[in-house]
Amino acid sequence: MAKATAEEAALTKQKIIDTAVSITLTQGFKEVTLGNLAKHIGISRSGINCHFQYKADIAAAIEPELTTILHASIDFSSCDSFEATWVRAIQFDVKFRSCIAALGPVIPSSIGFESLVKKINHGDLSHRQEKVYKCLGYALVEIDRIARTE
């Protein structure tokens, strides 16, 4: 069997990342396993392992894409804009809710919290922290409530 070219290897790696993001958003990160990825992509588990030795490596690879999904729905221009867009996204954006629910195992909570606080452009630090805490708590309760009614 011929060795894959660098271009083919890069395409395979991106396919693994895209599939891991999809599985994470639809089933949760716990379902991102070598076997599950291999089944969805149609390659061997060892083929996945050539690109990602550990599940933590996959988490690191999908984190930027999950963060992009999260940030796309949020207005970080002020604390009030952050809160309003966060609430709207929780209520109406399924992909955003899935992303929030999936991020726990991918990004440690304290790092996610701090990155949201830093991203809000206006307001003193304590006010930004208060808004992020409030929105995270809101997400925790509302995502569970919405899931139970769907």
N, C-alpha and C. Protein backbone atom coordinates (compact mmCIF):
# COMPACT_ATOMS: atom_id res chain seq x y z
N MET A 1 0.85 -1.17 0.00
CA MET A 1 0.00 0.00 0.00
C MET A 1 0.89 1.24 0.00
N ALA A 2 0.60 2.17 -0.87
CA ALA A 2 1.40 3.39 -1.00
C ALA A 2 1.15 4.32 0.18
N LYS A 3 2.20 5.01 0.57
CA LYS A 3 2.11 5.97 1.66
C LYS A 3 1.33 7.20 1.17
N ALA A 4 0.48 7.75 2.04
CA ALA A 4 -0.31 8.93 1.69
C ALA A 4 0.59 10.14 1.51
N THR A 5 0.19 10.99 0.57
CA THR A 5 0.94 12.24 0.38
C THR A 5 0.61 13.19 1.53
N ALA A 6 1.41 14.21 1.65
CA ALA A 6 1.16 15.22 2.70
C ALA A 6 -0.21 15.85 2.51
N GLU A 7 -0.61 16.07 1.27
CA GLU A 7 -1.92 16.67 0.99
C GLU A 7 -3.05 15.73 1.42
N GLU A 8 -2.90 14.43 1.10
CA GLU A 8 -3.91 13.45 1.51
C GLU A 8 -3.99 13.35 3.03
N ALA A 9 -2.83 13.37 3.68
CA ALA A 9 -2.80 13.30 5.15
C ALA A 9 -3.49 14.51 5.76
N ALA A 10 -3.26 15.69 5.18
CA ALA A 10 -3.91 16.92 5.68
C ALA A 10 -5.42 16.85 5.50
N LEU A 11 -5.86 16.33 4.36
CA LEU A 11 -7.30 16.19 4.12
C LEU A 11 -7.92 15.20 5.09
N THR A 12 -7.23 14.09 5.34
CA THR A 12 -7.74 13.11 6.29
C THR A 12 -7.82 13.70 7.69
N LYS A 13 -6.79 14.42 8.08
CA LYS A 13 -6.79 15.04 9.41
C LYS A 13 -7.95 16.02 9.54
N GLN A 14 -8.19 16.82 8.50
CA GLN A 14 -9.31 17.78 8.55
C GLN A 14 -10.65 17.06 8.59
N LYS A 15 -10.75 15.93 7.88
CA LYS A 15 -11.98 15.14 7.92
C LYS A 15 -12.22 14.60 9.33
N ILE A 16 -11.16 14.18 9.99
CA ILE A 16 -11.28 13.70 11.37
C ILE A 16 -11.76 14.84 12.27
N ILE A 17 -11.18 16.02 12.12
CA ILE A 17 -11.58 17.18 12.93
C ILE A 17 -13.03 17.53 12.66
N ASP A 18 -13.41 17.61 11.39
CA ASP A 18 -14.80 17.96 11.05
C ASP A 18 -15.78 16.94 11.62
N THR A 19 -15.42 15.68 11.53
CA THR A 19 -16.29 14.62 12.07
C THR A 19 -16.35 14.69 13.59
N ALA A 20 -15.23 14.97 14.22
CA ALA A 20 -15.21 15.10 15.69
C ALA A 20 -16.09 16.27 16.13
N VAL A 21 -16.05 17.37 15.40
CA VAL A 21 -16.92 18.52 15.72
C VAL A 21 -18.38 18.11 15.57
N SER A 22 -18.70 17.46 14.47
CA SER A 22 -20.08 17.03 14.22
C SER A 22 -20.58 16.08 15.32
N ILE A 23 -19.78 15.09 15.65
CA ILE A 23 -20.17 14.15 16.71
C ILE A 23 -20.32 14.88 18.04
N THR A 24 -19.40 15.78 18.33
CA THR A 24 -19.46 16.54 19.58
C THR A 24 -20.75 17.34 19.67
N LEU A 25 -21.13 17.99 18.59
CA LEU A 25 -22.33 18.83 18.61
C LEU A 25 -23.62 18.02 18.64
N THR A 26 -23.61 16.82 18.07
CA THR A 26 -24.84 16.03 18.02
C THR A 26 -24.96 15.00 19.15
N GLN A 27 -23.81 14.48 19.62
CA GLN A 27 -23.86 13.41 20.61
C GLN A 27 -23.09 13.70 21.89
N GLY A 28 -22.25 14.72 21.86
CA GLY A 28 -21.40 15.04 23.00
C GLY A 28 -19.99 14.52 22.79
N PHE A 29 -19.03 15.16 23.45
CA PHE A 29 -17.63 14.82 23.25
C PHE A 29 -17.29 13.42 23.74
N LYS A 30 -18.05 12.90 24.68
CA LYS A 30 -17.79 11.54 25.17
C LYS A 30 -17.90 10.51 24.05
N GLU A 31 -18.66 10.82 23.00
CA GLU A 31 -18.84 9.91 21.87
C GLU A 31 -17.76 10.04 20.81
N VAL A 32 -16.82 10.97 21.01
CA VAL A 32 -15.70 11.11 20.08
C VAL A 32 -14.64 10.08 20.49
N THR A 33 -14.78 8.89 19.95
CA THR A 33 -13.85 7.80 20.22
C THR A 33 -13.18 7.40 18.91
N LEU A 34 -12.07 6.70 19.00
CA LEU A 34 -11.41 6.23 17.78
C LEU A 34 -12.37 5.37 16.94
N GLY A 35 -13.09 4.48 17.60
CA GLY A 35 -14.02 3.61 16.90
C GLY A 35 -15.15 4.37 16.23
N ASN A 36 -15.72 5.32 16.95
CA ASN A 36 -16.83 6.10 16.40
C ASN A 36 -16.36 6.97 15.23
N LEU A 37 -15.21 7.60 15.39
CA LEU A 37 -14.65 8.41 14.30
C LEU A 37 -14.37 7.53 13.08
N ALA A 38 -13.73 6.39 13.31
CA ALA A 38 -13.39 5.48 12.21
C ALA A 38 -14.64 5.03 11.47
N LYS A 39 -15.69 4.70 12.21
CA LYS A 39 -16.95 4.27 11.60
C LYS A 39 -17.55 5.37 10.74
N HIS A 40 -17.57 6.61 11.24
CA HIS A 40 -18.15 7.73 10.49
C HIS A 40 -17.33 8.10 9.25
N ILE A 41 -16.02 7.98 9.35
CA ILE A 41 -15.14 8.43 8.26
C ILE A 41 -14.86 7.31 7.27
N GLY A 42 -14.87 6.08 7.75
CA GLY A 42 -14.60 4.95 6.87
C GLY A 42 -13.12 4.63 6.76
N ILE A 43 -12.38 4.89 7.84
CA ILE A 43 -10.97 4.48 7.90
C ILE A 43 -10.76 3.69 9.18
N SER A 44 -9.60 3.11 9.32
CA SER A 44 -9.32 2.29 10.50
C SER A 44 -9.06 3.16 11.73
N ARG A 45 -9.20 2.54 12.88
CA ARG A 45 -8.87 3.23 14.13
C ARG A 45 -7.40 3.64 14.15
N SER A 46 -6.54 2.78 13.61
CA SER A 46 -5.12 3.13 13.57
C SER A 46 -4.88 4.30 12.62
N GLY A 47 -5.74 4.44 11.60
CA GLY A 47 -5.65 5.59 10.71
C GLY A 47 -5.95 6.89 11.44
N ILE A 48 -6.91 6.82 12.35
CA ILE A 48 -7.23 8.00 13.20
C ILE A 48 -6.04 8.26 14.12
N ASN A 49 -5.52 7.19 14.71
CA ASN A 49 -4.43 7.30 15.68
C ASN A 49 -3.14 7.84 15.06
N CYS A 50 -2.98 7.72 13.76
CA CYS A 50 -1.81 8.30 13.09
C CYS A 50 -1.82 9.83 13.19
N HIS A 51 -3.01 10.39 13.27
CA HIS A 51 -3.15 11.85 13.31
C HIS A 51 -3.34 12.38 14.73
N PHE A 52 -3.98 11.60 15.57
CA PHE A 52 -4.27 12.02 16.94
C PHE A 52 -4.00 10.86 17.89
N GLN A 53 -2.94 11.00 18.68
CA GLN A 53 -2.55 9.92 19.57
C GLN A 53 -3.49 9.81 20.77
N TYR A 54 -3.96 10.96 21.27
CA TYR A 54 -4.80 10.98 22.47
C TYR A 54 -6.08 11.75 22.21
N LYS A 55 -7.09 11.44 22.99
CA LYS A 55 -8.36 12.17 22.88
C LYS A 55 -8.15 13.65 23.18
N ALA A 56 -7.23 13.95 24.07
CA ALA A 56 -6.91 15.36 24.39
C ALA A 56 -6.39 16.09 23.15
N ASP A 57 -5.71 15.38 22.27
CA ASP A 57 -5.23 15.99 21.03
C ASP A 57 -6.40 16.34 20.12
N ILE A 58 -7.41 15.49 20.10
CA ILE A 58 -8.62 15.78 19.32
C ILE A 58 -9.34 16.98 19.93
N ALA A 59 -9.44 17.01 21.25
CA ALA A 59 -10.09 18.15 21.93
C ALA A 59 -9.39 19.44 21.56
N ALA A 60 -8.07 19.44 21.58
CA ALA A 60 -7.32 20.65 21.23
C ALA A 60 -7.55 21.05 19.78
N ALA A 61 -7.73 20.08 18.91
CA ALA A 61 -7.94 20.37 17.49
C ALA A 61 -9.34 20.92 17.21
N ILE A 62 -10.34 20.48 17.97
CA ILE A 62 -11.71 20.96 17.70
C ILE A 62 -12.07 22.21 18.49
N GLU A 63 -11.29 22.52 19.51
CA GLU A 63 -11.59 23.70 20.33
C GLU A 63 -11.73 24.99 19.52
N PRO A 64 -10.84 25.28 18.57
CA PRO A 64 -11.02 26.53 17.80
C PRO A 64 -12.33 26.57 17.02
N GLU A 65 -12.75 25.44 16.46
CA GLU A 65 -14.00 25.42 15.71
C GLU A 65 -15.21 25.61 16.62
N LEU A 66 -15.18 24.98 17.79
CA LEU A 66 -16.28 25.17 18.74
C LEU A 66 -16.32 26.61 19.25
N THR A 67 -15.16 27.18 19.49
CA THR A 67 -15.09 28.57 19.93
C THR A 67 -15.63 29.51 18.86
N THR A 68 -15.32 29.24 17.61
CA THR A 68 -15.83 30.06 16.50
C THR A 68 -17.35 30.00 16.45
N ILE A 69 -17.92 28.82 16.62
CA ILE A 69 -19.38 28.67 16.63
C ILE A 69 -19.97 29.49 17.78
N LEU A 70 -19.37 29.38 18.93
CA LEU A 70 -19.85 30.11 20.11
C LEU A 70 -19.78 31.61 19.88
N HIS A 71 -18.65 32.10 19.44
CA HIS A 71 -18.44 33.54 19.28
C HIS A 71 -19.28 34.14 18.15
N ALA A 72 -19.64 33.34 17.16
CA ALA A 72 -20.41 33.85 16.02
C ALA A 72 -21.79 34.37 16.43
N SER A 73 -22.34 33.84 17.50
CA SER A 73 -23.69 34.23 17.93
C SER A 73 -23.70 35.33 18.97
N ILE A 74 -22.55 35.74 19.45
CA ILE A 74 -22.48 36.66 20.59
C ILE A 74 -21.90 38.01 20.18
N ASP A 75 -22.51 39.06 20.71
CA ASP A 75 -22.01 40.43 20.54
C ASP A 75 -21.23 40.78 21.81
N PHE A 76 -19.94 40.94 21.67
CA PHE A 76 -19.06 41.20 22.81
C PHE A 76 -18.79 42.70 23.01
N SER A 77 -19.56 43.57 22.37
CA SER A 77 -19.26 45.01 22.43
C SER A 77 -19.54 45.63 23.79
N SER A 78 -20.41 45.02 24.59
CA SER A 78 -20.68 45.51 25.94
C SER A 78 -21.26 44.38 26.77
N CYS A 79 -21.33 44.58 28.06
CA CYS A 79 -21.90 43.56 28.95
C CYS A 79 -23.37 43.30 28.61
N ASP A 80 -24.13 44.38 28.36
CA ASP A 80 -25.55 44.20 28.04
C ASP A 80 -25.76 43.50 26.70
N SER A 81 -24.93 43.85 25.72
CA SER A 81 -25.02 43.18 24.42
C SER A 81 -24.66 41.71 24.55
N PHE A 82 -23.63 41.43 25.33
CA PHE A 82 -23.22 40.05 25.58
C PHE A 82 -24.40 39.27 26.16
N GLU A 83 -25.00 39.79 27.21
CA GLU A 83 -26.10 39.09 27.87
C GLU A 83 -27.29 38.90 26.93
N ALA A 84 -27.68 39.94 26.22
CA ALA A 84 -28.84 39.85 25.33
C ALA A 84 -28.62 38.82 24.22
N THR A 85 -27.46 38.83 23.61
CA THR A 85 -27.21 37.88 22.53
C THR A 85 -27.02 36.46 23.05
N TRP A 86 -26.46 36.34 24.25
CA TRP A 86 -26.31 35.01 24.87
C TRP A 86 -27.69 34.39 25.12
N VAL A 87 -28.58 35.17 25.72
CA VAL A 87 -29.93 34.67 26.02
C VAL A 87 -30.65 34.30 24.73
N ARG A 88 -30.56 35.15 23.72
CA ARG A 88 -31.21 34.87 22.43
C ARG A 88 -30.63 33.59 21.81
N ALA A 89 -29.31 33.44 21.87
CA ALA A 89 -28.69 32.25 21.29
C ALA A 89 -29.11 30.98 22.03
N ILE A 90 -29.20 31.05 23.35
CA ILE A 90 -29.66 29.88 24.12
C ILE A 90 -31.08 29.52 23.72
N GLN A 91 -31.93 30.53 23.56
CA GLN A 91 -33.34 30.27 23.25
C GLN A 91 -33.57 29.77 21.81
N PHE A 92 -32.81 30.29 20.85
CA PHE A 92 -33.17 30.06 19.46
C PHE A 92 -32.11 29.38 18.58
N ASP A 93 -30.92 29.18 19.07
CA ASP A 93 -29.84 28.64 18.23
C ASP A 93 -29.41 27.26 18.73
N VAL A 94 -29.90 26.23 18.06
CA VAL A 94 -29.63 24.85 18.47
C VAL A 94 -28.13 24.55 18.44
N LYS A 95 -27.44 25.03 17.41
CA LYS A 95 -26.01 24.77 17.28
C LYS A 95 -25.24 25.43 18.44
N PHE A 96 -25.66 26.63 18.83
CA PHE A 96 -25.04 27.32 19.96
C PHE A 96 -25.25 26.52 21.25
N ARG A 97 -26.48 26.07 21.49
CA ARG A 97 -26.77 25.27 22.69
C ARG A 97 -25.94 24.00 22.70
N SER A 98 -25.86 23.34 21.56
CA SER A 98 -25.07 22.11 21.48
C SER A 98 -23.60 22.40 21.76
N CYS A 99 -23.13 23.52 21.26
CA CYS A 99 -21.74 23.91 21.47
C CYS A 99 -21.47 24.16 22.95
N ILE A 100 -22.35 24.90 23.60
CA ILE A 100 -22.21 25.18 25.04
C ILE A 100 -22.21 23.87 25.82
N ALA A 101 -23.14 23.00 25.50
CA ALA A 101 -23.25 21.73 26.22
C ALA A 101 -22.01 20.86 26.01
N ALA A 102 -21.39 20.96 24.84
CA ALA A 102 -20.25 20.11 24.50
C ALA A 102 -18.91 20.65 24.97
N LEU A 103 -18.83 21.94 25.27
CA LEU A 103 -17.54 22.54 25.56
C LEU A 103 -16.92 22.10 26.88
N GLY A 104 -17.71 21.68 27.83
CA GLY A 104 -17.19 21.29 29.15
C GLY A 104 -15.99 20.36 29.10
N PRO A 105 -16.10 19.23 28.39
CA PRO A 105 -14.94 18.32 28.34
C PRO A 105 -13.81 18.80 27.43
N VAL A 106 -14.08 19.81 26.59
CA VAL A 106 -13.09 20.27 25.62
C VAL A 106 -12.27 21.43 26.18
N ILE A 107 -12.94 22.38 26.80
CA ILE A 107 -12.27 23.56 27.37
C ILE A 107 -12.55 23.58 28.86
N PRO A 108 -11.53 23.58 29.70
CA PRO A 108 -11.78 23.67 31.15
C PRO A 108 -12.61 24.91 31.48
N SER A 109 -13.54 24.75 32.39
CA SER A 109 -14.49 25.81 32.73
C SER A 109 -13.82 27.13 33.07
N SER A 110 -12.77 27.09 33.85
CA SER A 110 -12.12 28.34 34.26
C SER A 110 -11.50 29.06 33.06
N ILE A 111 -10.97 28.31 32.11
CA ILE A 111 -10.38 28.92 30.92
C ILE A 111 -11.47 29.50 30.03
N GLY A 112 -12.55 28.77 29.85
CA GLY A 112 -13.68 29.28 29.07
C GLY A 112 -14.27 30.53 29.68
N PHE A 113 -14.43 30.52 30.99
CA PHE A 113 -14.96 31.69 31.70
C PHE A 113 -14.07 32.89 31.48
N GLU A 114 -12.78 32.73 31.72
CA GLU A 114 -11.84 33.85 31.57
C GLU A 114 -11.79 34.38 30.14
N SER A 115 -11.87 33.49 29.16
CA SER A 115 -11.82 33.96 27.77
C SER A 115 -13.06 34.76 27.41
N LEU A 116 -14.23 34.39 27.94
CA LEU A 116 -15.44 35.17 27.70
C LEU A 116 -15.34 36.54 28.38
N VAL A 117 -14.86 36.57 29.61
CA VAL A 117 -14.71 37.84 30.33
C VAL A 117 -13.78 38.77 29.56
N LYS A 118 -12.66 38.26 29.10
CA LYS A 118 -11.69 39.08 28.36
C LYS A 118 -12.24 39.58 27.04
N LYS A 119 -13.11 38.81 26.42
CA LYS A 119 -13.62 39.16 25.09
C LYS A 119 -14.64 40.30 25.13
N ILE A 120 -15.31 40.50 26.27
CA ILE A 120 -16.27 41.61 26.38
C ILE A 120 -15.47 42.91 26.39
N ASN A 121 -15.84 43.82 25.49
CA ASN A 121 -15.04 45.01 25.23
C ASN A 121 -15.19 46.14 26.25
N HIS A 122 -16.33 46.26 26.88
CA HIS A 122 -16.54 47.39 27.79
C HIS A 122 -17.05 46.90 29.14
N GLY A 123 -16.78 47.69 30.16
CA GLY A 123 -17.22 47.37 31.51
C GLY A 123 -16.04 47.00 32.38
N ASP A 124 -16.18 47.30 33.66
CA ASP A 124 -15.08 46.94 34.55
C ASP A 124 -15.06 45.42 34.75
N LEU A 125 -13.95 44.93 35.22
CA LEU A 125 -13.73 43.49 35.32
C LEU A 125 -14.82 42.80 36.13
N SER A 126 -15.19 43.36 37.27
CA SER A 126 -16.18 42.69 38.12
C SER A 126 -17.55 42.62 37.43
N HIS A 127 -17.91 43.66 36.69
CA HIS A 127 -19.19 43.65 35.98
C HIS A 127 -19.16 42.61 34.86
N ARG A 128 -18.07 42.52 34.12
CA ARG A 128 -17.95 41.51 33.06
C ARG A 128 -18.01 40.10 33.64
N GLN A 129 -17.32 39.90 34.77
CA GLN A 129 -17.35 38.58 35.41
C GLN A 129 -18.77 38.23 35.85
N GLU A 130 -19.46 39.20 36.43
CA GLU A 130 -20.84 38.99 36.89
C GLU A 130 -21.75 38.59 35.72
N LYS A 131 -21.61 39.27 34.59
CA LYS A 131 -22.43 38.96 33.42
C LYS A 131 -22.14 37.55 32.90
N VAL A 132 -20.87 37.19 32.84
CA VAL A 132 -20.52 35.86 32.34
C VAL A 132 -21.04 34.78 33.29
N TYR A 133 -20.87 34.98 34.60
CA TYR A 133 -21.41 34.02 35.57
C TYR A 133 -22.92 33.87 35.38
N LYS A 134 -23.60 34.98 35.24
CA LYS A 134 -25.05 34.97 35.07
C LYS A 134 -25.43 34.22 33.81
N CYS A 135 -24.74 34.48 32.72
CA CYS A 135 -25.07 33.83 31.45
C CYS A 135 -24.74 32.34 31.46
N LEU A 136 -23.65 31.97 32.10
CA LEU A 136 -23.32 30.54 32.21
C LEU A 136 -24.36 29.81 33.06
N GLY A 137 -24.78 30.42 34.14
CA GLY A 137 -25.84 29.83 34.96
C GLY A 137 -27.15 29.71 34.19
N TYR A 138 -27.48 30.75 33.45
CA TYR A 138 -28.67 30.74 32.62
C TYR A 138 -28.59 29.58 31.62
N ALA A 139 -27.44 29.44 30.99
CA ALA A 139 -27.25 28.36 30.01
C ALA A 139 -27.45 26.99 30.66
N LEU A 140 -26.87 26.81 31.83
CA LEU A 140 -26.97 25.54 32.54
C LEU A 140 -28.43 25.15 32.77
N VAL A 141 -29.22 26.08 33.25
CA VAL A 141 -30.63 25.80 33.55
C VAL A 141 -31.45 25.68 32.27
N GLU A 142 -31.29 26.62 31.35
CA GLU A 142 -32.13 26.65 30.16
C GLU A 142 -31.84 25.52 29.19
N ILE A 143 -30.59 25.15 29.01
CA ILE A 143 -30.29 24.04 28.10
C ILE A 143 -30.94 22.77 28.59
N ASP A 144 -30.90 22.54 29.90
CA ASP A 144 -31.55 21.37 30.47
C ASP A 144 -33.07 21.46 30.29
N ARG A 145 -33.65 22.63 30.55
CA ARG A 145 -35.10 22.81 30.41
C ARG A 145 -35.53 22.60 28.97
N ILE A 146 -34.81 23.19 28.03
CA ILE A 146 -35.16 23.06 26.61
C ILE A 146 -35.03 21.60 26.16
N ALA A 147 -33.98 20.93 26.60
CA ALA A 147 -33.78 19.53 26.22
C ALA A 147 -34.93 18.66 26.71
N ARG A 148 -35.47 18.98 27.87
CA ARG A 148 -36.58 18.17 28.43
C ARG A 148 -37.88 18.41 27.70
N THR A 149 -38.02 19.55 27.02
CA THR A 149 -39.27 19.85 26.32
C THR A 149 -39.22 19.51 24.83
N GLU A 150 -38.03 19.18 24.32
CA GLU A 150 -37.90 18.86 22.89
C GLU A 150 -38.25 17.43 22.61
